[in-house]
Protein backbone atom coordinates (compact mmCIF):
# COMPACT_ATOMS: atom_id res chain seq x y z
CA UNK A 1 -12.19 86.29 14.40
CA UNK A 2 -9.41 83.58 13.87
CA UNK A 3 -5.89 83.27 12.73
CA UNK A 4 -4.20 79.82 11.86
CA UNK A 5 -0.48 80.45 11.05
CA UNK A 6 0.87 78.76 8.15
CA UNK A 7 4.74 79.98 8.88
CA UNK A 8 6.83 81.47 11.16
CA UNK A 9 10.24 83.52 10.45
CA UNK A 10 12.55 85.10 12.64
CA UNK A 11 14.71 84.76 15.53
CA UNK A 12 15.73 86.89 18.83
CA UNK A 13 13.20 89.64 19.78
CA UNK A 14 11.12 89.81 16.54
CA UNK A 15 9.11 87.09 14.40
CA UNK A 16 7.39 87.54 11.10
CA UNK A 17 3.99 85.20 11.45
CA UNK A 18 2.09 84.58 8.16
CA UNK A 19 -1.16 82.59 7.92
CA UNK A 20 -4.97 82.70 7.43
CA UNK A 21 -7.61 85.68 9.10
CA UNK A 22 -10.67 85.00 9.39
CA UNK A 23 -13.29 87.61 10.31
CA UNK A 24 -17.17 87.69 9.85
CA UNK A 25 -16.72 84.63 7.69
CA UNK A 26 -14.19 86.05 5.14
CA UNK A 27 -10.71 84.42 5.37
CA UNK A 28 -7.78 86.66 3.99
CA UNK A 29 -3.72 86.21 4.09
CA UNK A 30 -2.12 88.32 6.64
CA UNK A 31 1.39 88.75 7.70
CA UNK A 32 2.49 90.84 10.82
CA UNK A 33 5.42 90.69 13.14
CA UNK A 34 5.36 89.50 16.76
CA UNK A 35 7.80 91.17 19.49
CA UNK A 36 8.82 89.30 21.95
CA UNK A 37 8.14 90.66 25.03
CA UNK A 38 9.59 89.69 29.01
CA UNK A 39 10.36 86.27 30.29
CA UNK A 40 11.17 85.20 33.91
CA UNK A 41 9.63 82.71 36.49
CA UNK A 42 6.07 82.57 37.57
CA UNK A 43 3.72 80.97 39.80
CA UNK A 44 5.43 77.47 41.09
CA UNK A 45 8.67 78.77 39.22
CA UNK A 46 7.39 78.03 35.60
CA UNK A 47 9.05 79.77 33.15
CA UNK A 48 6.87 82.21 31.20
CA UNK A 49 7.21 84.86 28.29
CA UNK A 50 4.78 87.03 26.18
CA UNK A 51 4.83 89.22 23.35
CA UNK A 52 2.76 91.47 21.21
CA UNK A 53 1.82 92.22 17.88
CA UNK A 54 0.24 95.25 15.97
CA UNK A 55 -1.48 95.04 12.63
CA UNK A 56 -4.40 96.97 10.37
CA UNK A 57 -6.90 95.46 9.00
CA UNK A 58 -9.60 96.69 6.69
CA UNK A 59 -13.51 96.15 7.64
CA UNK A 60 -14.66 96.38 4.07
CA UNK A 61 -12.18 93.09 3.25
CA UNK A 62 -14.20 91.24 5.25
CA UNK A 63 -17.96 92.63 4.11
CA UNK A 64 -18.14 94.76 6.94
CA UNK A 65 -19.83 98.12 5.36
CA UNK A 66 -22.01 99.36 7.76
CA UNK A 67 -21.21 102.98 8.94
CA UNK A 68 -18.29 103.00 7.60
CA UNK A 69 -18.15 106.96 7.51
CA UNK A 70 -18.47 107.47 11.38
CA UNK A 71 -16.71 104.05 12.59
CA UNK A 72 -13.83 104.03 9.86
CA UNK A 73 -12.65 101.10 7.16
CA UNK A 74 -9.17 100.65 9.19
CA UNK A 75 -9.04 98.95 12.14
CA UNK A 76 -6.18 98.91 14.63
CA UNK A 77 -5.81 95.15 15.97
CA UNK A 78 -3.41 94.93 18.92
CA UNK A 79 -2.72 91.11 20.09
CA UNK A 80 -1.05 90.68 23.50
CA UNK A 81 0.15 86.87 24.53
CA UNK A 82 1.45 84.99 27.41
CA UNK A 83 2.59 81.55 27.72
CA UNK A 84 3.87 79.28 29.94
CA UNK A 85 6.42 76.41 29.64
CA UNK A 86 5.16 72.90 30.78
């Protein structure tokens, strides 16, 4: 699973990110919202910030059709991230 961003819009606490999402060798365009998390000082007084994105994909859109009944076709994806300012 990979995501390559092409555009980021917004400011403040929410950003809209658009790019190419690849899963199981199939690439599809994807747009989702990233909500800004907390900020603070971490180890060695370096500034840190975080955020979270949630979106839903269909397995069938990426060629994954095995056991759709028991497993389901729609998958919820949650991405949590943290960055350190250098």
